[in-house]
Amino acid sequence: MDMTTMWERFGPALTDGAIKVAAAILLYMVGRWLIGFAINMLQRVLTARNFDATLQRYIANILAVVLNILLVVAILGYFGLQTTSFAALLAGVGLAVGAAWSGLLGNFAAGAFLIIFRPYKVGDYVVAGGVEGTVIEIGMFNTIITSPDNVTTVVGNGKISNDIIRNFSNNEYRRVERTAQLAFGVDPLDAIARLKPALADIPNVIADPAPDVEILDFNELGTVLAVRPYCHTRDYWQVYFDTNKLIAKTFGAAGYPAPYNIEMEIQPGKA
């Protein structure tokens, strides 16, 4: 069989197949562009209507998955495949994959509940799934959190929903917990009188509620004071460290002696 005969026999089929493949590629590219355009338009509309950023991302992710599946089904239908059979096959594969990836589907379901019940939102400072930091994104299957040392951590939504969630941004302010150790012989009331007004001068410490300085405990070194200013979550670490500096500066200016263990000092004399 010569080339002319072969082309007359198989040429039309090859040409038709090449046209269909090229058309399918073009359809896929155009479809992907339209999907991206539709998602961008949806996000603009939701933003204009002041929709929550977390809910925007979640809706966009779901829409992207659905539209991509429809695009694949449309391309297969263009090639002449029975899409109804493909849909049944897809459902069967979905059940099989669901059984194998139950944890992944659990994360998806947990993500839906996180969106509905809203224990936190994008931008909140939380402890979730054992990770502390600022929520960057709540996805379909996981939540992205950036810790204070600028490390990005991806946590499964299922782990978060099954664990304790602490949201430090939900309230207007939070309390900074510090302690100050006094030596024996130092009047704690004098130390309180010095610290309390000085705390109010620390930047970003709020006036209401006013800072607390109280006697917390007594130990082998002397009196322990609880030093507790209040501030917004975004200013927590700045106030935390400034409070430490203030305690050291105030006690140094007052001439308080450094705490020491009396028993440890007496011990060598007994030997």
Protein backbone atom coordinates (compact mmCIF):
# COMPACT_ATOMS: atom_id res chain seq x y z
CA MET A 1 0.00 0.00 0.00
CA ASP A 2 1.56 3.26 -1.15
CA MET A 3 1.43 6.60 0.70
CA THR A 4 -1.31 7.99 -1.54
CA THR A 5 -3.58 5.06 -0.81
CA MET A 6 -2.83 5.24 2.94
CA TRP A 7 -3.59 8.95 3.03
CA GLU A 8 -6.84 8.45 1.10
CA ARG A 9 -7.77 5.75 3.59
CA PHE A 10 -6.63 7.26 6.92
CA GLY A 11 -6.12 10.94 6.08
CA PRO A 12 -9.66 12.16 6.70
CA ALA A 13 -9.79 10.43 10.09
CA LEU A 14 -6.39 11.83 11.13
CA THR A 15 -7.35 15.28 9.95
CA ASP A 16 -10.65 15.11 11.78
CA GLY A 17 -8.90 13.87 14.94
CA ALA A 18 -6.25 16.61 14.77
CA ILE A 19 -8.94 19.26 14.34
CA LYS A 20 -10.85 17.88 17.34
CA VAL A 21 -7.71 17.81 19.51
CA ALA A 22 -6.81 21.36 18.52
CA ALA A 23 -10.39 22.47 19.13
CA ALA A 24 -10.40 20.72 22.53
CA ILE A 25 -7.16 22.47 23.52
CA LEU A 26 -8.58 25.78 22.39
CA LEU A 27 -11.84 25.07 24.23
CA TYR A 28 -9.89 24.23 27.39
CA MET A 29 -7.82 27.43 27.20
CA VAL A 30 -10.87 29.58 26.52
CA GLY A 31 -12.81 27.77 29.25
CA ARG A 32 -10.03 28.30 31.80
CA TRP A 33 -9.89 31.98 30.90
CA LEU A 34 -13.66 32.30 31.27
CA ILE A 35 -13.54 30.51 34.63
CA GLY A 36 -10.86 32.87 35.87
CA PHE A 37 -12.84 35.85 34.56
CA ALA A 38 -16.04 34.62 36.24
CA ILE A 39 -14.28 34.09 39.58
CA ASN A 40 -12.65 37.53 39.44
CA MET A 41 -15.98 39.15 38.63
CA LEU A 42 -17.64 37.28 41.50
CA GLN A 43 -14.94 38.43 43.93
CA ARG A 44 -15.35 42.04 42.77
CA VAL A 45 -19.10 41.87 43.29
CA LEU A 46 -18.71 40.31 46.75
CA THR A 47 -16.07 42.89 47.70
CA ALA A 48 -18.36 45.71 46.55
CA ARG A 49 -21.09 44.26 48.75
CA ASN A 50 -18.68 44.11 51.73
CA PHE A 51 -18.69 40.31 51.86
CA ASP A 52 -16.30 38.79 54.39
CA ALA A 53 -12.91 37.95 52.84
CA THR A 54 -13.00 34.42 54.25
CA LEU A 55 -16.39 33.70 52.71
CA GLN A 56 -15.24 35.18 49.40
CA ARG A 57 -12.30 32.75 49.14
CA TYR A 58 -14.45 29.80 50.11
CA ILE A 59 -17.15 30.56 47.52
CA ALA A 60 -14.49 31.21 44.86
CA ASN A 61 -12.79 27.86 45.57
CA ILE A 62 -16.06 25.92 45.34
CA LEU A 63 -17.06 27.72 42.14
CA ALA A 64 -13.65 27.02 40.57
CA VAL A 65 -13.93 23.28 41.29
CA VAL A 66 -17.49 23.05 39.90
CA LEU A 67 -16.69 25.03 36.75
CA ASN A 68 -13.54 23.02 36.04
CA ILE A 69 -15.49 19.77 36.32
CA LEU A 70 -18.13 21.12 33.93
CA LEU A 71 -15.38 22.17 31.51
CA VAL A 72 -13.87 18.67 31.48
CA VAL A 73 -17.32 17.11 30.95
CA ALA A 74 -18.00 19.53 28.07
CA ILE A 75 -14.69 18.65 26.37
CA LEU A 76 -15.37 14.94 26.72
CA GLY A 77 -18.85 15.49 25.27
CA TYR A 78 -17.25 17.28 22.31
CA PHE A 79 -15.25 14.12 21.60
CA GLY A 80 -18.47 12.15 21.52
CA LEU A 81 -18.21 10.47 24.93
CA GLN A 82 -21.47 9.90 26.78
CA THR A 83 -21.39 12.47 29.54
CA THR A 84 -24.16 10.72 31.47
CA SER A 85 -21.98 7.63 31.71
CA PHE A 86 -19.04 9.80 32.61
CA ALA A 87 -21.09 11.45 35.37
CA ALA A 88 -21.98 8.03 36.78
CA LEU A 89 -18.33 7.00 36.56
CA LEU A 90 -17.29 10.23 38.24
CA ALA A 91 -19.76 9.57 41.04
CA GLY A 92 -18.37 6.06 41.50
CA VAL A 93 -14.82 7.33 41.51
CA GLY A 94 -15.89 10.02 43.96
CA LEU A 95 -17.19 7.39 46.37
CA ALA A 96 -14.00 5.37 46.07
CA VAL A 97 -11.81 8.40 46.52
CA GLY A 98 -14.01 9.57 49.38
CA ALA A 99 -13.49 6.28 51.19
CA ALA A 100 -9.75 6.49 50.64
CA TRP A 101 -9.52 10.20 51.43
CA SER A 102 -11.97 10.39 54.30
CA GLY A 103 -9.61 12.69 56.16
CA LEU A 104 -9.52 15.12 53.24
CA LEU A 105 -13.31 15.15 53.00
CA GLY A 106 -13.43 15.60 56.75
CA ASN A 107 -11.27 18.69 56.35
CA PHE A 108 -13.67 19.95 53.66
CA ALA A 109 -16.70 19.44 55.92
CA ALA A 110 -14.87 21.08 58.84
CA GLY A 111 -14.03 24.05 56.61
CA ALA A 112 -17.73 24.49 55.83
CA PHE A 113 -18.56 24.54 59.55
CA LEU A 114 -15.75 27.02 60.22
CA ILE A 115 -17.30 29.31 57.62
CA ILE A 116 -20.81 28.90 59.04
CA PHE A 117 -20.06 29.25 62.77
CA ARG A 118 -17.18 31.73 62.31
CA PRO A 119 -14.96 31.02 65.36
CA TYR A 120 -12.36 33.17 63.61
CA LYS A 121 -11.86 35.11 60.38
CA VAL A 122 -8.97 36.22 58.20
CA GLY A 123 -6.74 38.62 60.14
CA ASP A 124 -7.59 37.23 63.60
CA TYR A 125 -4.81 36.21 65.99
CA VAL A 126 -5.62 32.70 67.19
CA VAL A 127 -4.39 29.45 68.63
CA ALA A 128 -5.96 26.77 66.41
CA GLY A 129 -4.90 23.16 65.92
CA GLY A 130 -1.98 23.76 68.27
CA VAL A 131 -0.63 26.63 66.11
CA GLU A 132 -0.52 30.27 67.24
CA GLY A 133 -0.49 33.18 64.84
CA THR A 134 -2.48 35.36 62.46
CA VAL A 135 -5.01 33.72 60.12
CA ILE A 136 -4.00 34.42 56.51
CA GLU A 137 -6.51 32.25 54.66
CA ILE A 138 -9.33 29.81 55.39
CA GLY A 139 -9.41 27.35 52.50
CA MET A 140 -11.65 24.46 51.57
CA PHE A 141 -9.44 21.92 53.30
CA ASN A 142 -7.03 23.84 55.52
CA THR A 143 -6.30 27.12 57.27
CA ILE A 144 -3.07 29.06 56.72
CA ILE A 145 -1.61 30.71 59.81
CA THR A 146 1.50 32.90 60.05
CA SER A 147 3.19 32.73 63.45
CA PRO A 148 4.79 35.75 65.18
CA ASP A 149 8.24 34.60 63.97
CA ASN A 150 6.94 34.85 60.37
CA VAL A 151 6.58 31.11 59.71
CA THR A 152 3.63 30.07 57.55
CA THR A 153 1.85 26.93 58.78
CA VAL A 154 -0.90 25.03 56.96
CA VAL A 155 -3.30 23.30 59.38
CA GLY A 156 -6.05 20.88 58.34
CA ASN A 157 -9.53 22.21 59.11
CA GLY A 158 -10.44 18.85 60.64
CA LYS A 159 -7.65 19.15 63.22
CA ILE A 160 -8.74 22.69 64.05
CA SER A 161 -12.43 21.81 64.48
CA ASN A 162 -11.53 18.90 66.78
CA ASP A 163 -9.24 21.02 68.94
CA ILE A 164 -9.62 24.03 71.21
CA ILE A 165 -9.71 27.38 69.36
CA ARG A 166 -8.53 30.51 71.15
CA ASN A 167 -9.34 33.77 69.38
CA PHE A 168 -7.39 36.72 70.80
CA SER A 169 -8.88 39.21 68.33
CA ASN A 170 -12.52 38.62 69.17
CA ASN A 171 -12.53 41.07 72.08
CA GLU A 172 -11.49 44.71 72.05
CA TYR A 173 -8.51 44.19 74.36
CA ARG A 174 -6.51 41.53 76.17
CA ARG A 175 -4.47 41.42 79.37
CA VAL A 176 -0.68 41.22 79.43
CA GLU A 177 0.41 38.84 82.21
CA ARG A 178 3.72 39.70 83.89
CA THR A 179 5.14 39.18 87.39
CA ALA A 180 7.70 41.15 89.42
CA GLN A 181 9.81 39.51 92.11
CA LEU A 182 10.65 41.64 95.16
CA ALA A 183 13.41 40.89 97.66
CA PHE A 184 12.75 40.41 101.37
CA GLY A 185 12.51 43.78 103.09
CA VAL A 186 11.09 45.63 100.09
CA ASP A 187 7.69 47.16 100.81
CA PRO A 188 5.31 45.72 98.18
CA LEU A 189 2.91 48.65 98.65
CA ASP A 190 5.71 51.06 97.74
CA ALA A 191 6.50 49.00 94.63
CA ILE A 192 2.82 48.97 93.65
CA ALA A 193 2.59 52.75 94.08
CA ARG A 194 5.57 53.20 91.76
CA LEU A 195 4.55 50.70 89.07
CA LYS A 196 0.85 51.38 88.71
CA PRO A 197 0.99 54.98 87.39
CA ALA A 198 4.08 54.22 85.30
CA LEU A 199 2.27 51.42 83.45
CA ALA A 200 -0.31 53.88 82.15
CA ASP A 201 2.46 55.79 80.36
CA ILE A 202 3.52 52.79 78.26
CA PRO A 203 2.46 53.37 74.62
CA ASN A 204 -0.73 51.53 73.59
CA VAL A 205 -1.71 50.59 77.15
CA ILE A 206 -5.43 51.38 77.40
CA ALA A 207 -6.87 53.42 80.27
CA ASP A 208 -10.05 51.37 80.73
CA PRO A 209 -9.63 48.91 82.30
CA ALA A 210 -6.73 50.45 84.19
CA PRO A 211 -3.51 48.44 84.68
CA ASP A 212 -3.49 46.08 87.68
CA VAL A 213 -0.57 45.73 90.08
CA GLU A 214 -1.34 43.49 93.05
CA ILE A 215 0.36 41.09 95.44
CA LEU A 216 0.20 37.71 93.72
CA ASP A 217 2.16 35.39 95.99
CA PHE A 218 5.02 34.93 98.47
CA ASN A 219 8.01 32.66 97.95
CA GLU A 220 11.51 32.00 99.30
CA LEU A 221 12.81 35.15 97.58
CA GLY A 222 10.16 37.56 98.84
CA THR A 223 6.92 39.03 97.50
CA VAL A 224 5.68 38.39 93.95
CA LEU A 225 3.63 41.10 92.27
CA ALA A 226 1.16 40.56 89.42
CA VAL A 227 1.71 43.26 86.79
CA ARG A 228 -1.15 43.37 84.28
CA PRO A 229 -1.63 46.16 81.74
CA TYR A 230 -4.32 45.91 79.06
CA CYS A 231 -3.94 46.54 75.33
CA HIS A 232 -5.18 45.60 71.87
CA THR A 233 -3.97 42.27 70.49
CA ARG A 234 -1.92 43.95 67.76
CA ASP A 235 0.11 45.75 70.46
CA TYR A 236 0.50 42.76 72.80
CA TRP A 237 4.21 42.01 72.33
CA GLN A 238 5.23 45.66 72.33
CA VAL A 239 3.42 46.20 75.65
CA TYR A 240 4.76 42.88 76.98
CA PHE A 241 8.41 43.84 76.44
CA ASP A 242 7.92 47.46 77.46
CA THR A 243 6.39 46.25 80.72
CA ASN A 244 9.48 44.15 81.43
CA LYS A 245 11.69 47.16 80.78
CA LEU A 246 9.53 49.32 83.02
CA ILE A 247 9.75 46.88 85.93
CA ALA A 248 13.54 46.75 85.68
CA LYS A 249 13.83 50.55 85.33
CA THR A 250 11.41 51.32 88.19
CA PHE A 251 12.98 48.90 90.65
CA GLY A 252 16.47 50.08 89.72
CA ALA A 253 15.54 53.74 90.23
CA ALA A 254 13.99 52.90 93.61
CA GLY A 255 17.20 51.17 94.70
CA TYR A 256 15.52 47.86 95.47
CA PRO A 257 18.01 45.07 96.20
CA ALA A 258 18.11 42.06 93.90
CA PRO A 259 16.11 39.07 95.22
CA TYR A 260 18.25 36.28 96.65
CA ASN A 261 17.61 33.07 98.53
CA ILE A 262 18.33 33.48 102.24
CA GLU A 263 18.58 29.73 102.76
CA MET A 264 21.20 29.43 100.02
CA GLU A 265 23.23 32.21 101.69
CA ILE A 266 23.05 30.58 105.13
CA GLN A 267 23.89 27.11 103.80
CA PRO A 268 27.70 27.63 103.41
CA GLY A 269 27.97 29.00 106.96
CA LYS A 270 26.57 25.76 108.35
CA ALA A 271 29.20 23.69 106.60
